[in-house]
Amino acid sequence: MSATIVVGWTPDEYGAVAVDRALDEARLRNASLVLVNGSRGDAYVDDHFATGKQLAELERRLAGSGVAHEVRQTVGTDVAEAVLAVVEESRADLVVLGIKRRSPVGKLLMGSVAQKVLLGAECAVLTVKPPR
């Protein structure tokens, strides 16, 4: 049975750094990736929810990586719950999330998705930040 890495992916610099690190980890662990992109669907525009063009760009990048992968997109559920459901279903060995840099006050509160995944995942969670 091969290892699985779940990536909470958004079509921005945070998602890009998460994919970079997840690909590195997948190669080290001989693992496959499951990328999860989601939206609660409660806003007219959600910049974290990928468009068809953004998904196609991601697929091209992943296809060229040589790493087995699957991309899932969900609407209408809490994004953290969607990530955790995939973690449980796939019996993931690792979750990779891109996170924002925070001010000293902001460090008291982490993004709600990252916080819920960190607290709820039964496996290791790796958080990464884009370079400054």
Protein backbone atom coordinates (compact mmCIF):
# COMPACT_ATOMS: atom_id res chain seq x y z
CA MET A 1 0.00 0.00 0.00
CA SER A 2 1.54 3.33 -1.03
CA ALA A 3 1.56 6.48 1.04
CA THR A 4 -0.89 9.32 0.42
CA ILE A 5 -0.37 13.03 0.93
CA VAL A 6 -3.37 15.36 1.02
CA VAL A 7 -2.86 18.97 -0.02
CA GLY A 8 -5.22 21.79 0.86
CA TRP A 9 -4.83 23.72 -2.41
CA THR A 10 -5.81 27.24 -3.36
CA PRO A 11 -5.00 28.94 -6.69
CA ASP A 12 -2.57 31.45 -5.18
CA GLU A 13 0.97 31.69 -3.79
CA TYR A 14 -0.02 29.67 -0.71
CA GLY A 15 -1.35 26.84 -2.81
CA ALA A 16 1.72 26.96 -5.05
CA VAL A 17 4.12 26.58 -2.13
CA ALA A 18 1.99 23.76 -0.72
CA VAL A 19 2.13 21.91 -4.05
CA ASP A 20 5.90 22.45 -4.31
CA ARG A 21 6.49 20.95 -0.88
CA ALA A 22 3.95 18.16 -1.36
CA LEU A 23 5.65 17.11 -4.60
CA ASP A 24 9.01 17.00 -2.79
CA GLU A 25 7.49 14.92 0.01
CA ALA A 26 5.73 12.62 -2.47
CA ARG A 27 9.01 11.88 -4.22
CA LEU A 28 10.77 11.21 -0.90
CA ARG A 29 7.99 8.93 0.34
CA ASN A 30 7.00 7.36 -2.99
CA ALA A 31 3.52 8.73 -2.29
CA SER A 32 0.56 9.88 -4.31
CA LEU A 33 -1.15 13.25 -3.88
CA VAL A 34 -4.78 14.15 -3.39
CA LEU A 35 -5.31 17.89 -3.79
CA VAL A 36 -8.46 19.38 -2.29
CA ASN A 37 -9.87 22.74 -3.38
CA GLY A 38 -13.15 23.86 -1.92
CA SER A 39 -15.62 26.59 -1.14
CA ARG A 40 -18.49 26.83 1.26
CA GLY A 41 -20.38 28.37 -1.62
CA ASP A 42 -21.79 31.14 0.54
CA ALA A 43 -20.15 34.01 -1.35
CA TYR A 44 -20.70 35.18 -4.91
CA VAL A 45 -16.94 35.25 -5.49
CA ASP A 46 -14.44 33.03 -3.68
CA ASP A 47 -10.84 33.68 -4.76
CA HIS A 48 -9.77 30.44 -3.08
CA PHE A 49 -12.03 28.36 -5.36
CA ALA A 50 -10.24 27.47 -8.57
CA THR A 51 -11.59 28.24 -12.01
CA GLY A 52 -11.51 25.73 -14.84
CA LYS A 53 -8.43 27.46 -16.26
CA GLN A 54 -6.62 27.30 -12.91
CA LEU A 55 -7.48 23.61 -12.52
CA ALA A 56 -6.18 22.91 -16.04
CA GLU A 57 -2.89 24.69 -15.21
CA LEU A 58 -2.58 22.65 -12.03
CA GLU A 59 -3.27 19.40 -13.91
CA ARG A 60 -0.57 20.26 -16.49
CA ARG A 61 1.94 20.92 -13.74
CA LEU A 62 1.11 17.73 -11.88
CA ALA A 63 1.12 15.62 -15.05
CA GLY A 64 4.68 16.78 -15.71
CA SER A 65 5.80 15.89 -12.19
CA GLY A 66 5.63 12.13 -12.55
CA VAL A 67 3.76 11.90 -9.22
CA ALA A 68 0.43 10.07 -9.13
CA HIS A 69 -2.27 12.54 -8.21
CA GLU A 70 -5.95 13.34 -8.01
CA VAL A 71 -7.61 16.75 -7.75
CA ARG A 72 -10.93 17.11 -5.94
CA GLN A 73 -13.07 20.19 -5.83
CA THR A 74 -15.96 20.59 -3.40
CA VAL A 75 -18.70 23.18 -2.97
CA GLY A 76 -21.09 23.62 -0.10
CA THR A 77 -19.08 22.19 2.76
CA ASP A 78 -16.65 23.67 5.22
CA VAL A 79 -13.26 23.51 3.48
CA ALA A 80 -11.46 22.15 6.54
CA GLU A 81 -14.09 19.42 6.90
CA ALA A 82 -13.65 18.55 3.21
CA VAL A 83 -9.87 18.24 3.67
CA LEU A 84 -10.30 16.16 6.83
CA ALA A 85 -12.80 13.87 5.09
CA VAL A 86 -10.26 13.17 2.34
CA VAL A 87 -7.55 12.61 4.96
CA GLU A 88 -9.71 10.02 6.68
CA GLU A 89 -10.96 8.37 3.49
CA SER A 90 -7.49 8.06 1.98
CA ARG A 91 -5.81 7.19 5.28
CA ALA A 92 -3.33 9.95 4.52
CA ASP A 93 0.15 9.91 5.97
CA LEU A 94 0.59 13.67 5.70
CA VAL A 95 -1.38 16.87 5.04
CA VAL A 96 0.34 19.88 3.47
CA LEU A 97 -1.12 23.39 3.80
CA GLY A 98 0.15 26.77 2.70
CA ILE A 99 -0.32 29.43 5.38
CA LYS A 100 0.02 33.20 5.58
CA ARG A 101 2.59 35.07 7.61
CA ARG A 102 0.95 36.77 10.57
CA SER A 103 1.61 39.81 12.71
CA PRO A 104 2.38 39.19 16.40
CA VAL A 105 -1.30 39.70 17.23
CA GLY A 106 -2.39 37.64 14.24
CA LYS A 107 -0.26 34.75 15.45
CA LEU A 108 -2.78 34.24 18.23
CA LEU A 109 -5.30 33.31 15.56
CA MET A 110 -4.42 31.08 12.65
CA GLY A 111 -6.56 30.81 9.54
CA SER A 112 -9.67 28.83 10.37
CA VAL A 113 -9.05 26.11 7.76
CA ALA A 114 -5.44 25.56 8.86
CA GLN A 115 -6.41 25.59 12.53
CA LYS A 116 -9.23 23.06 12.06
CA VAL A 117 -7.01 20.75 10.00
CA LEU A 118 -4.13 20.97 12.49
CA LEU A 119 -6.43 20.13 15.36
CA GLY A 120 -8.52 17.53 13.55
CA ALA A 121 -6.10 15.50 11.45
CA GLU A 122 -5.02 12.10 12.75
CA CYS A 123 -1.78 12.29 10.73
CA ALA A 124 1.12 14.72 10.51
CA VAL A 125 0.36 18.20 9.17
CA LEU A 126 3.05 20.23 7.43
CA THR A 127 2.41 23.96 7.05
CA VAL A 128 4.54 25.98 4.63
CA LYS A 129 4.84 29.67 3.78
CA PRO A 130 5.82 31.36 0.54
CA PRO A 131 9.23 33.05 0.56
CA ARG A 132 9.18 36.70 1.57
